[in-house]
Amino acid sequence: MARTLSGGMGALKKHHLGRSFLRDDAFWKGVASVFNLAGQFTPLYYGRDPEKADRAALRSDWEAVGRDMERVMRRFEQEHAKELTHARRAVRDAQSATKETGASNGDR
């Protein structure tokens, strides 16, 4: 287990230090929010319709989740392109074989 933790932490540090997350404004806002006990750093906008503001905030949050998911899926596809190509070919071959078997059984 110690090997996993030390290897994992080293990999985590190596993975993130090369990235620009330390320059990201959202990162520093998140760090500042930890100390925002009085709620003074980020005023919330409710406008005239709090429900509308809530819907807009939820939509924005889910759009961010969608962008993150797209980024992760693209990265996964890039890192595993060879395996995915083989898997897609195997599925296509299996579907073709199933169609051929179904057509020959229907001829009886």
PDB file of N, CA and C in Angstrom:
ATOM      1  N   MET A   1       0.816  -1.189   0.000  1.00  0.00           N
ATOM      2  CA  MET A   1       0.000   0.000   0.000  1.00  0.00           C
ATOM      3  C   MET A   1       0.862   1.256   0.000  1.00  0.00           C
ATOM      4  N   ALA A   2       1.977   1.226   0.730  1.00  0.00           N
ATOM      5  CA  ALA A   2       2.860   2.386   0.759  1.00  0.00           C
ATOM      6  C   ALA A   2       3.400   2.673  -0.635  1.00  0.00           C
ATOM      7  N   ARG A   3       3.653   1.586  -1.374  1.00  0.00           N
ATOM      8  CA  ARG A   3       4.159   1.772  -2.729  1.00  0.00           C
ATOM      9  C   ARG A   3       3.140   2.510  -3.594  1.00  0.00           C
ATOM     10  N   THR A   4       1.888   2.149  -3.447  1.00  0.00           N
ATOM     11  CA  THR A   4       0.828   2.786  -4.215  1.00  0.00           C
ATOM     12  C   THR A   4       0.720   4.259  -3.848  1.00  0.00           C
ATOM     13  N   LEU A   5       0.755   4.550  -2.531  1.00  0.00           N
ATOM     14  CA  LEU A   5       0.617   5.938  -2.103  1.00  0.00           C
ATOM     15  C   LEU A   5       1.782   6.789  -2.577  1.00  0.00           C
ATOM     16  N   SER A   6       3.006   6.291  -2.378  1.00  0.00           N
ATOM     17  CA  SER A   6       4.152   7.099  -2.785  1.00  0.00           C
ATOM     18  C   SER A   6       4.219   7.223  -4.299  1.00  0.00           C
ATOM     19  N   GLY A   7       3.941   6.124  -4.999  1.00  0.00           N
ATOM     20  CA  GLY A   7       3.939   6.195  -6.462  1.00  0.00           C
ATOM     21  C   GLY A   7       2.819   7.073  -6.967  1.00  0.00           C
ATOM     22  N   GLY A   8       1.669   6.954  -6.302  1.00  0.00           N
ATOM     23  CA  GLY A   8       0.513   7.751  -6.710  1.00  0.00           C
ATOM     24  C   GLY A   8       0.750   9.227  -6.498  1.00  0.00           C
ATOM     25  N   MET A   9       1.297   9.577  -5.342  1.00  0.00           N
ATOM     26  CA  MET A   9       1.543  10.992  -5.046  1.00  0.00           C
ATOM     27  C   MET A   9       2.605  11.558  -5.976  1.00  0.00           C
ATOM     28  N   GLY A  10       3.647  10.768  -6.238  1.00  0.00           N
ATOM     29  CA  GLY A  10       4.676  11.234  -7.158  1.00  0.00           C
ATOM     30  C   GLY A  10       4.114  11.447  -8.543  1.00  0.00           C
ATOM     31  N   ALA A  11       3.274  10.502  -8.958  1.00  0.00           N
ATOM     32  CA  ALA A  11       2.649  10.628 -10.273  1.00  0.00           C
ATOM     33  C   ALA A  11       1.712  11.816 -10.296  1.00  0.00           C
ATOM     34  N   LEU A  12       0.989  12.030  -9.188  1.00  0.00           N
ATOM     35  CA  LEU A  12       0.069  13.156  -9.116  1.00  0.00           C
ATOM     36  C   LEU A  12       0.827  14.470  -9.209  1.00  0.00           C
ATOM     37  N   LYS A  13       1.910  14.594  -8.448  1.00  0.00           N
ATOM     38  CA  LYS A  13       2.697  15.826  -8.490  1.00  0.00           C
ATOM     39  C   LYS A  13       3.278  16.042  -9.880  1.00  0.00           C
ATOM     40  N   LYS A  14       3.844  15.005 -10.446  1.00  0.00           N
ATOM     41  CA  LYS A  14       4.445  15.119 -11.774  1.00  0.00           C
ATOM     42  C   LYS A  14       3.386  15.494 -12.810  1.00  0.00           C
ATOM     43  N   HIS A  15       2.215  14.896 -12.683  1.00  0.00           N
ATOM     44  CA  HIS A  15       1.130  15.151 -13.644  1.00  0.00           C
ATOM     45  C   HIS A  15       0.658  16.597 -13.572  1.00  0.00           C
ATOM     46  N   HIS A  16       0.495  17.122 -12.363  1.00  0.00           N
ATOM     47  CA  HIS A  16      -0.099  18.445 -12.221  1.00  0.00           C
ATOM     48  C   HIS A  16       0.906  19.582 -12.299  1.00  0.00           C
ATOM     49  N   LEU A  17       2.149  19.355 -11.935  1.00  0.00           N
ATOM     50  CA  LEU A  17       3.096  20.459 -11.939  1.00  0.00           C
ATOM     51  C   LEU A  17       3.382  20.975 -13.336  1.00  0.00           C
ATOM     52  N   GLY A  18       3.278  20.131 -14.329  1.00  0.00           N
ATOM     53  CA  GLY A  18       3.513  20.570 -15.692  1.00  0.00           C
ATOM     54  C   GLY A  18       2.328  21.313 -16.277  1.00  0.00           C
ATOM     55  N   ARG A  19       1.218  21.304 -15.602  1.00  0.00           N
ATOM     56  CA  ARG A  19      -0.002  21.934 -16.103  1.00  0.00           C
ATOM     57  C   ARG A  19      -0.071  23.384 -15.640  1.00  0.00           C
ATOM     58  N   SER A  20      -1.013  24.092 -16.166  1.00  0.00           N
ATOM     59  CA  SER A  20      -1.137  25.507 -15.844  1.00  0.00           C
ATOM     60  C   SER A  20      -2.157  25.763 -14.750  1.00  0.00           C
ATOM     61  N   PHE A  21      -2.469  24.748 -13.912  1.00  0.00           N
ATOM     62  CA  PHE A  21      -3.516  24.960 -12.920  1.00  0.00           C
ATOM     63  C   PHE A  21      -3.118  26.024 -11.897  1.00  0.00           C
ATOM     64  N   LEU A  22      -1.833  26.221 -11.652  1.00  0.00           N
ATOM     65  CA  LEU A  22      -1.427  27.258 -10.714  1.00  0.00           C
ATOM     66  C   LEU A  22      -1.640  28.659 -11.290  1.00  0.00           C
ATOM     67  N   ARG A  23      -1.710  28.758 -12.593  1.00  0.00           N
ATOM     68  CA  ARG A  23      -1.957  30.052 -13.225  1.00  0.00           C
ATOM     69  C   ARG A  23      -3.444  30.286 -13.459  1.00  0.00           C
ATOM     70  N   ASP A  24      -4.249  29.273 -13.200  1.00  0.00           N
ATOM     71  CA  ASP A  24      -5.672  29.356 -13.466  1.00  0.00           C
ATOM     72  C   ASP A  24      -6.360  30.206 -12.404  1.00  0.00           C
ATOM     73  N   ASP A  25      -7.113  31.193 -12.851  1.00  0.00           N
ATOM     74  CA  ASP A  25      -7.818  32.087 -11.950  1.00  0.00           C
ATOM     75  C   ASP A  25      -8.811  31.320 -11.090  1.00  0.00           C
ATOM     76  N   ALA A  26      -9.481  30.325 -11.656  1.00  0.00           N
ATOM     77  CA  ALA A  26     -10.457  29.545 -10.905  1.00  0.00           C
ATOM     78  C   ALA A  26      -9.785  28.812  -9.736  1.00  0.00           C
ATOM     79  N   PHE A  27      -8.562  28.349  -9.938  1.00  0.00           N
ATOM     80  CA  PHE A  27      -7.835  27.669  -8.868  1.00  0.00           C
ATOM     81  C   PHE A  27      -7.645  28.601  -7.683  1.00  0.00           C
ATOM     82  N   TRP A  28      -7.186  29.821  -7.939  1.00  0.00           N
ATOM     83  CA  TRP A  28      -6.931  30.754  -6.856  1.00  0.00           C
ATOM     84  C   TRP A  28      -8.230  31.230  -6.214  1.00  0.00           C
ATOM     85  N   LYS A  29      -9.296  31.337  -6.985  1.00  0.00           N
ATOM     86  CA  LYS A  29     -10.594  31.679  -6.387  1.00  0.00           C
ATOM     87  C   LYS A  29     -11.036  30.572  -5.445  1.00  0.00           C
ATOM     88  N   GLY A  30     -10.786  29.325  -5.825  1.00  0.00           N
ATOM     89  CA  GLY A  30     -11.117  28.205  -4.960  1.00  0.00           C
ATOM     90  C   GLY A  30     -10.306  28.219  -3.686  1.00  0.00           C
ATOM     91  N   VAL A  31      -9.005  28.530  -3.797  1.00  0.00           N
ATOM     92  CA  VAL A  31      -8.157  28.630  -2.612  1.00  0.00           C
ATOM     93  C   VAL A  31      -8.673  29.749  -1.708  1.00  0.00           C
ATOM     94  N   ALA A  32      -9.012  30.883  -2.291  1.00  0.00           N
ATOM     95  CA  ALA A  32      -9.508  32.014  -1.503  1.00  0.00           C
ATOM     96  C   ALA A  32     -10.841  31.693  -0.849  1.00  0.00           C
ATOM     97  N   SER A  33     -11.660  30.884  -1.511  1.00  0.00           N
ATOM     98  CA  SER A  33     -12.978  30.578  -0.954  1.00  0.00           C
ATOM     99  C   SER A  33     -12.879  29.763   0.329  1.00  0.00           C
ATOM    100  N   VAL A  34     -11.773  29.051   0.516  1.00  0.00           N
ATOM    101  CA  VAL A  34     -11.572  28.296   1.754  1.00  0.00           C
ATOM    102  C   VAL A  34     -11.540  29.247   2.947  1.00  0.00           C
ATOM    103  N   PHE A  35     -10.985  30.435   2.735  1.00  0.00           N
ATOM    104  CA  PHE A  35     -10.856  31.416   3.815  1.00  0.00           C
ATOM    105  C   PHE A  35     -12.006  32.421   3.814  1.00  0.00           C
ATOM    106  N   ASN A  36     -12.971  32.227   2.968  1.00  0.00           N
ATOM    107  CA  ASN A  36     -14.093  33.149   2.813  1.00  0.00           C
ATOM    108  C   ASN A  36     -15.207  32.788   3.793  1.00  0.00           C
ATOM    109  N   LEU A  37     -14.934  32.925   5.070  1.00  0.00           N
ATOM    110  CA  LEU A  37     -15.891  32.529   6.089  1.00  0.00           C
ATOM    111  C   LEU A  37     -17.091  33.471   6.160  1.00  0.00           C
ATOM    112  N   ALA A  38     -16.883  34.722   5.843  1.00  0.00           N
ATOM    113  CA  ALA A  38     -17.972  35.699   5.927  1.00  0.00           C
ATOM    114  C   ALA A  38     -18.735  35.823   4.612  1.00  0.00           C
ATOM    115  N   GLY A  39     -18.256  35.199   3.554  1.00  0.00           N
ATOM    116  CA  GLY A  39     -18.943  35.272   2.276  1.00  0.00           C
ATOM    117  C   GLY A  39     -18.769  36.600   1.576  1.00  0.00           C
ATOM    118  N   GLN A  40     -17.649  37.259   1.782  1.00  0.00           N
ATOM    119  CA  GLN A  40     -17.450  38.595   1.230  1.00  0.00           C
ATOM    120  C   GLN A  40     -16.720  38.620  -0.108  1.00  0.00           C
ATOM    121  N   PHE A  41     -16.039  37.542  -0.479  1.00  0.00           N
ATOM    122  CA  PHE A  41     -15.237  37.566  -1.702  1.00  0.00           C
ATOM    123  C   PHE A  41     -16.071  37.434  -2.970  1.00  0.00           C
ATOM    124  N   THR A  42     -17.072  36.604  -2.913  1.00  0.00           N
ATOM    125  CA  THR A  42     -17.852  36.339  -4.121  1.00  0.00           C
ATOM    126  C   THR A  42     -19.325  36.613  -3.867  1.00  0.00           C
ATOM    127  N   PRO A  43     -19.756  37.829  -4.170  1.00  0.00           N
ATOM    128  CA  PRO A  43     -21.172  38.119  -3.969  1.00  0.00           C
ATOM    129  C   PRO A  43     -22.018  37.331  -4.966  1.00  0.00           C
ATOM    130  N   LEU A  44     -23.144  36.833  -4.501  1.00  0.00           N
ATOM    131  CA  LEU A  44     -24.042  36.089  -5.378  1.00  0.00           C
ATOM    132  C   LEU A  44     -25.029  37.053  -6.019  1.00  0.00           C
ATOM    133  N   TYR A  45     -25.342  36.805  -7.271  1.00  0.00           N
ATOM    134  CA  TYR A  45     -26.313  37.631  -7.970  1.00  0.00           C
ATOM    135  C   TYR A  45     -27.635  36.898  -7.999  1.00  0.00           C
ATOM    136  N   TYR A  46     -28.626  37.481  -7.409  1.00  0.00           N
ATOM    137  CA  TYR A  46     -29.954  36.894  -7.443  1.00  0.00           C
ATOM    138  C   TYR A  46     -30.866  37.633  -8.403  1.00  0.00           C
ATOM    139  N   GLY A  47     -30.588  38.888  -8.630  1.00  0.00           N
ATOM    140  CA  GLY A  47     -31.425  39.665  -9.536  1.00  0.00           C
ATOM    141  C   GLY A  47     -32.848  39.760  -9.020  1.00  0.00           C
ATOM    142  N   ARG A  48     -33.770  39.945  -9.936  1.00  0.00           N
ATOM    143  CA  ARG A  48     -35.176  40.061  -9.548  1.00  0.00           C
ATOM    144  C   ARG A  48     -35.832  38.697  -9.425  1.00  0.00           C
ATOM    145  N   ASP A  49     -35.243  37.698 -10.051  1.00  0.00           N
ATOM    146  CA  ASP A  49     -35.849  36.367 -10.054  1.00  0.00           C
ATOM    147  C   ASP A  49     -34.822  35.339  -9.568  1.00  0.00           C
ATOM    148  N   PRO A  50     -34.845  35.018  -8.279  1.00  0.00           N
ATOM    149  CA  PRO A  50     -33.859  34.067  -7.750  1.00  0.00           C
ATOM    150  C   PRO A  50     -33.931  32.698  -8.418  1.00  0.00           C
ATOM    151  N   GLU A  51     -35.117  32.265  -8.825  1.00  0.00           N
ATOM    152  CA  GLU A  51     -35.243  30.969  -9.490  1.00  0.00           C
ATOM    153  C   GLU A  51     -34.544  30.980 -10.840  1.00  0.00           C
ATOM    154  N   LYS A  52     -34.677  32.099 -11.547  1.00  0.00           N
ATOM    155  CA  LYS A  52     -33.993  32.225 -12.840  1.00  0.00           C
ATOM    156  C   LYS A  52     -32.474  32.206 -12.644  1.00  0.00           C
ATOM    157  N   ALA A  53     -32.002  32.904 -11.615  1.00  0.00           N
ATOM    158  CA  ALA A  53     -30.563  32.910 -11.325  1.00  0.00           C
ATOM    159  C   ALA A  53     -30.098  31.505 -10.954  1.00  0.00           C
ATOM    160  N   ASP A  54     -30.911  30.779 -10.211  1.00  0.00           N
ATOM    161  CA  ASP A  54     -30.570  29.411  -9.819  1.00  0.00           C
ATOM    162  C   ASP A  54     -30.500  28.507 -11.043  1.00  0.00           C
ATOM    163  N   ARG A  55     -31.474  28.638 -11.942  1.00  0.00           N
ATOM    164  CA  ARG A  55     -31.459  27.827 -13.177  1.00  0.00           C
ATOM    165  C   ARG A  55     -30.219  28.130 -14.011  1.00  0.00           C
ATOM    166  N   ALA A  56     -29.881  29.419 -14.096  1.00  0.00           N
ATOM    167  CA  ALA A  56     -28.690  29.805 -14.873  1.00  0.00           C
ATOM    168  C   ALA A  56     -27.424  29.231 -14.240  1.00  0.00           C
ATOM    169  N   ALA A  57     -27.351  29.255 -12.911  1.00  0.00           N
ATOM    170  CA  ALA A  57     -26.177  28.712 -12.229  1.00  0.00           C
ATOM    171  C   ALA A  57     -26.090  27.203 -12.429  1.00  0.00           C
ATOM    172  N   LEU A  58     -27.213  26.510 -12.308  1.00  0.00           N
ATOM    173  CA  LEU A  58     -27.218  25.068 -12.530  1.00  0.00           C
ATOM    174  C   LEU A  58     -26.827  24.721 -13.961  1.00  0.00           C
ATOM    175  N   ARG A  59     -27.374  25.477 -14.924  1.00  0.00           N
ATOM    176  CA  ARG A  59     -27.038  25.237 -16.328  1.00  0.00           C
ATOM    177  C   ARG A  59     -25.537  25.434 -16.545  1.00  0.00           C
ATOM    178  N   SER A  60     -25.014  26.499 -15.973  1.00  0.00           N
ATOM    179  CA  SER A  60     -23.581  26.777 -16.112  1.00  0.00           C
ATOM    180  C   SER A  60     -22.742  25.655 -15.496  1.00  0.00           C
ATOM    181  N   ASP A  61     -23.151  25.173 -14.326  1.00  0.00           N
ATOM    182  CA  ASP A  61     -22.413  24.088 -13.676  1.00  0.00           C
ATOM    183  C   ASP A  61     -22.430  22.825 -14.534  1.00  0.00           C
ATOM    184  N   TRP A  62     -23.597  22.457 -15.075  1.00  0.00           N
ATOM    185  CA  TRP A  62     -23.689  21.240 -15.882  1.00  0.00           C
ATOM    186  C   TRP A  62     -22.953  21.400 -17.219  1.00  0.00           C
ATOM    187  N   GLU A  63     -22.927  22.613 -17.747  1.00  0.00           N
ATOM    188  CA  GLU A  63     -22.139  22.835 -18.965  1.00  0.00           C
ATOM    189  C   GLU A  63     -20.654  22.629 -18.677  1.00  0.00           C
ATOM    190  N   ALA A  64     -20.212  23.085 -17.509  1.00  0.00           N
ATOM    191  CA  ALA A  64     -18.809  22.874 -17.116  1.00  0.00           C
ATOM    192  C   ALA A  64     -18.519  21.384 -16.959  1.00  0.00           C
ATOM    193  N   VAL A  65     -19.451  20.646 -16.367  1.00  0.00           N
ATOM    194  CA  VAL A  65     -19.283  19.193 -16.229  1.00  0.00           C
ATOM    195  C   VAL A  65     -19.191  18.557 -17.613  1.00  0.00           C
ATOM    196  N   GLY A  66     -20.057  18.986 -18.532  1.00  0.00           N
ATOM    197  CA  GLY A  66     -20.030  18.448 -19.897  1.00  0.00           C
ATOM    198  C   GLY A  66     -18.709  18.721 -20.589  1.00  0.00           C
ATOM    199  N   ARG A  67     -18.187  19.947 -20.436  1.00  0.00           N
ATOM    200  CA  ARG A  67     -16.881  20.263 -21.042  1.00  0.00           C
ATOM    201  C   ARG A  67     -15.777  19.394 -20.456  1.00  0.00           C
ATOM    202  N   ASP A  68     -15.825  19.195 -19.137  1.00  0.00           N
ATOM    203  CA  ASP A  68     -14.826  18.335 -18.497  1.00  0.00           C
ATOM    204  C   ASP A  68     -14.918  16.907 -19.018  1.00  0.00           C
ATOM    205  N   MET A  69     -16.130  16.406 -19.148  1.00  0.00           N
ATOM    206  CA  MET A  69     -16.324  15.034 -19.652  1.00  0.00           C
ATOM    207  C   MET A  69     -15.816  14.910 -21.094  1.00  0.00           C
ATOM    208  N   GLU A  70     -16.113  15.895 -21.928  1.00  0.00           N
ATOM    209  CA  GLU A  70     -15.619  15.860 -23.315  1.00  0.00           C
ATOM    210  C   GLU A  70     -14.099  15.835 -23.342  1.00  0.00           C
ATOM    211  N   ARG A  71     -13.472  16.659 -22.489  1.00  0.00           N
ATOM    212  CA  ARG A  71     -12.009  16.707 -22.449  1.00  0.00           C
ATOM    213  C   ARG A  71     -11.437  15.360 -22.012  1.00  0.00           C
ATOM    214  N   VAL A  72     -12.033  14.753 -21.007  1.00  0.00           N
ATOM    215  CA  VAL A  72     -11.561  13.466 -20.505  1.00  0.00           C
ATOM    216  C   VAL A  72     -11.746  12.385 -21.563  1.00  0.00           C
ATOM    217  N   MET A  73     -12.895  12.383 -22.247  1.00  0.00           N
ATOM    218  CA  MET A  73     -13.139  11.363 -23.272  1.00  0.00           C
ATOM    219  C   MET A  73     -12.163  11.518 -24.440  1.00  0.00           C
ATOM    220  N   ARG A  74     -11.900  12.756 -24.856  1.00  0.00           N
ATOM    221  CA  ARG A  74     -10.921  12.969 -25.937  1.00  0.00           C
ATOM    222  C   ARG A  74      -9.545  12.464 -25.522  1.00  0.00           C
ATOM    223  N   ARG A  75      -9.157  12.780 -24.302  1.00  0.00           N
ATOM    224  CA  ARG A  75      -7.841  12.348 -23.823  1.00  0.00           C
ATOM    225  C   ARG A  75      -7.769  10.824 -23.746  1.00  0.00           C
ATOM    226  N   PHE A  76      -8.838  10.203 -23.245  1.00  0.00           N
ATOM    227  CA  PHE A  76      -8.872   8.745 -23.165  1.00  0.00           C
ATOM    228  C   PHE A  76      -8.751   8.143 -24.560  1.00  0.00           C
ATOM    229  N   GLU A  77      -9.492   8.689 -25.518  1.00  0.00           N
ATOM    230  CA  GLU A  77      -9.433   8.169 -26.893  1.00  0.00           C
ATOM    231  C   GLU A  77      -8.041   8.324 -27.479  1.00  0.00           C
ATOM    232  N   GLN A  78      -7.365   9.432 -27.177  1.00  0.00           N
ATOM    233  CA  GLN A  78      -6.010   9.630 -27.679  1.00  0.00           C
ATOM    234  C   GLN A  78      -5.038   8.637 -27.044  1.00  0.00           C
ATOM    235  N   GLU A  79      -5.166   8.427 -25.738  1.00  0.00           N
ATOM    236  CA  GLU A  79      -4.233   7.550 -25.041  1.00  0.00           C
ATOM    237  C   GLU A  79      -4.473   6.071 -25.346  1.00  0.00           C
ATOM    238  N   HIS A  80      -5.703   5.725 -25.747  1.00  0.00           N
ATOM    239  CA  HIS A  80      -6.053   4.322 -25.971  1.00  0.00           C
ATOM    240  C   HIS A  80      -6.552   4.084 -27.398  1.00  0.00           C
ATOM    241  N   ALA A  81      -6.042   4.856 -28.330  1.00  0.00           N
ATOM    242  CA  ALA A  81      -6.519   4.775 -29.717  1.00  0.00           C
ATOM    243  C   ALA A  81      -6.359   3.375 -30.294  1.00  0.00           C
ATOM    244  N   LYS A  82      -5.220   2.743 -30.065  1.00  0.00           N
ATOM    245  CA  LYS A  82      -4.973   1.424 -30.636  1.00  0.00           C
ATOM    246  C   LYS A  82      -5.957   0.389 -30.083  1.00  0.00           C
ATOM    247  N   GLU A  83      -6.133   0.396 -28.750  1.00  0.00           N
ATOM    248  CA  GLU A  83      -7.060  -0.559 -28.134  1.00  0.00           C
ATOM    249  C   GLU A  83      -8.495  -0.324 -28.612  1.00  0.00           C
ATOM    250  N   LEU A  84      -8.889   0.942 -28.739  1.00  0.00           N
ATOM    251  CA  LEU A  84     -10.244   1.259 -29.187  1.00  0.00           C
ATOM    252  C   LEU A  84     -10.463   0.819 -30.632  1.00  0.00           C
ATOM    253  N   THR A  85      -9.443   0.970 -31.476  1.00  0.00           N
ATOM    254  CA  THR A  85      -9.562   0.537 -32.866  1.00  0.00           C
ATOM    255  C   THR A  85      -9.781  -0.972 -32.925  1.00  0.00           C
ATOM    256  N   HIS A  86      -9.014  -1.710 -32.144  1.00  0.00           N
ATOM    257  CA  HIS A  86      -9.171  -3.171 -32.120  1.00  0.00           C
ATOM    258  C   HIS A  86     -10.550  -3.563 -31.578  1.00  0.00           C
ATOM    259  N   ALA A  87     -11.000  -2.898 -30.542  1.00  0.00           N
ATOM    260  CA  ALA A  87     -12.305  -3.218 -29.951  1.00  0.00           C
ATOM    261  C   ALA A  87     -13.435  -2.910 -30.922  1.00  0.00           C
ATOM    262  N   ARG A  88     -13.351  -1.774 -31.613  1.00  0.00           N
ATOM    263  CA  ARG A  88     -14.396  -1.421 -32.586  1.00  0.00           C
ATOM    264  C   ARG A  88     -14.438  -2.427 -33.730  1.00  0.00           C
ATOM    265  N   ARG A  89     -13.267  -2.866 -34.161  1.00  0.00           N
ATOM    266  CA  ARG A  89     -13.195  -3.864 -35.235  1.00  0.00           C
ATOM    267  C   ARG A  89     -13.819  -5.180 -34.774  1.00  0.00           C
ATOM    268  N   ALA A  90     -13.536  -5.586 -33.545  1.00  0.00           N
ATOM    269  CA  ALA A  90     -14.097  -6.832 -33.014  1.00  0.00           C
ATOM    270  C   ALA A  90     -15.617  -6.747 -32.913  1.00  0.00           C
ATOM    271  N   VAL A  91     -16.137  -5.607 -32.489  1.00  0.00           N
ATOM    272  CA  VAL A  91     -17.591  -5.431 -32.398  1.00  0.00           C
ATOM    273  C   VAL A  91     -18.207  -5.481 -33.786  1.00  0.00           C
ATOM    274  N   ARG A  92     -17.601  -4.794 -34.726  1.00  0.00           N
ATOM    275  CA  ARG A  92     -18.115  -4.780 -36.109  1.00  0.00           C
ATOM    276  C   ARG A  92     -18.111  -6.192 -36.695  1.00  0.00           C
ATOM    277  N   ASP A  93     -17.037  -6.949 -36.458  1.00  0.00           N
ATOM    278  CA  ASP A  93     -16.962  -8.321 -36.959  1.00  0.00           C
ATOM    279  C   ASP A  93     -18.025  -9.201 -36.312  1.00  0.00           C
ATOM    280  N   ALA A  94     -18.243  -9.023 -35.005  1.00  0.00           N
ATOM    281  CA  ALA A  94     -19.257  -9.809 -34.310  1.00  0.00           C
ATOM    282  C   ALA A  94     -20.654  -9.469 -34.819  1.00  0.00           C
ATOM    283  N   GLN A  95     -20.907  -8.194 -35.095  1.00  0.00           N
ATOM    284  CA  GLN A  95     -22.211  -7.797 -35.620  1.00  0.00           C
ATOM    285  C   GLN A  95     -22.427  -8.373 -37.015  1.00  0.00           C
ATOM    286  N   SER A  96     -21.393  -8.362 -37.833  1.00  0.00           N
ATOM    287  CA  SER A  96     -21.499  -8.939 -39.178  1.00  0.00           C
ATOM    288  C   SER A  96     -21.771 -10.429 -39.102  1.00  0.00           C
ATOM    289  N   ALA A  97     -21.087 -11.119 -38.210  1.00  0.00           N
ATOM    290  CA  ALA A  97     -21.287 -12.559 -38.056  1.00  0.00           C
ATOM    291  C   ALA A  97     -22.701 -12.854 -37.569  1.00  0.00           C
ATOM    292  N   THR A  98     -23.208 -12.033 -36.676  1.00  0.00           N
ATOM    293  CA  THR A  98     -24.567 -12.217 -36.169  1.00  0.00           C
ATOM    294  C   THR A  98     -25.592 -12.002 -37.271  1.00  0.00           C
ATOM    295  N   LYS A  99     -25.390 -10.998 -38.096  1.00  0.00           N
ATOM    296  CA  LYS A  99     -26.310 -10.734 -39.208  1.00  0.00           C
ATOM    297  C   LYS A  99     -26.290 -11.887 -40.207  1.00  0.00           C
ATOM    298  N   GLU A 100     -25.099 -12.380 -40.499  1.00  0.00           N
ATOM    299  CA  GLU A 100     -24.982 -13.496 -41.444  1.00  0.00           C
ATOM    300  C   GLU A 100     -25.660 -14.745 -40.884  1.00  0.00           C
ATOM    301  N   THR A 101     -25.466 -15.016 -39.594  1.00  0.00           N
ATOM    302  CA  THR A 101     -26.096 -16.180 -38.967  1.00  0.00           C
ATOM    303  C   THR A 101     -27.606 -16.024 -38.951  1.00  0.00           C
ATOM    304  N   GLY A 102     -28.081 -14.837 -38.650  1.00  0.00           N
ATOM    305  CA  GLY A 102     -29.510 -14.566 -38.639  1.00  0.00           C
ATOM    306  C   GLY A 102     -30.127 -14.709 -40.004  1.00  0.00           C
ATOM    307  N   ALA A 103     -29.427 -14.268 -41.044  1.00  0.00           N
ATOM    308  CA  ALA A 103     -29.937 -14.385 -42.408  1.00  0.00           C
ATOM    309  C   ALA A 103     -29.967 -15.842 -42.840  1.00  0.00           C
ATOM    310  N   SER A 104     -28.965 -16.645 -42.481  1.00  0.00           N
ATOM    311  CA  SER A 104     -28.952 -18.053 -42.880  1.00  0.00           C
ATOM    312  C   SER A 104     -30.012 -18.843 -42.108  1.00  0.00           C
ATOM    313  N   ASN A 105     -30.297 -18.472 -40.874  1.00  0.00           N
ATOM    314  CA  ASN A 105     -31.345 -19.142 -40.106  1.00  0.00           C
ATOM    315  C   ASN A 105     -32.732 -18.785 -40.645  1.00  0.00           C
ATOM    316  N   GLY A 106     -32.858 -17.609 -41.166  1.00  0.00           N
ATOM    317  CA  GLY A 106     -34.142 -17.183 -41.737  1.00  0.00           C
ATOM    318  C   GLY A 106     -34.453 -17.873 -43.054  1.00  0.00           C
ATOM    319  N   ASP A 107     -33.438 -18.429 -43.708  1.00  0.00           N
ATOM    320  CA  ASP A 107     -33.641 -19.100 -45.005  1.00  0.00           C
ATOM    321  C   ASP A 107     -34.253 -20.470 -44.835  1.00  0.00           C
ATOM    322  N   ARG A 108     -34.267 -21.022 -43.656  1.00  0.00           N
ATOM    323  CA  ARG A 108     -34.752 -22.388 -43.421  1.00  0.00           C
ATOM    324  C   ARG A 108     -36.223 -22.498 -43.551  1.00  0.00           C
TER     325      ARG A 108
END
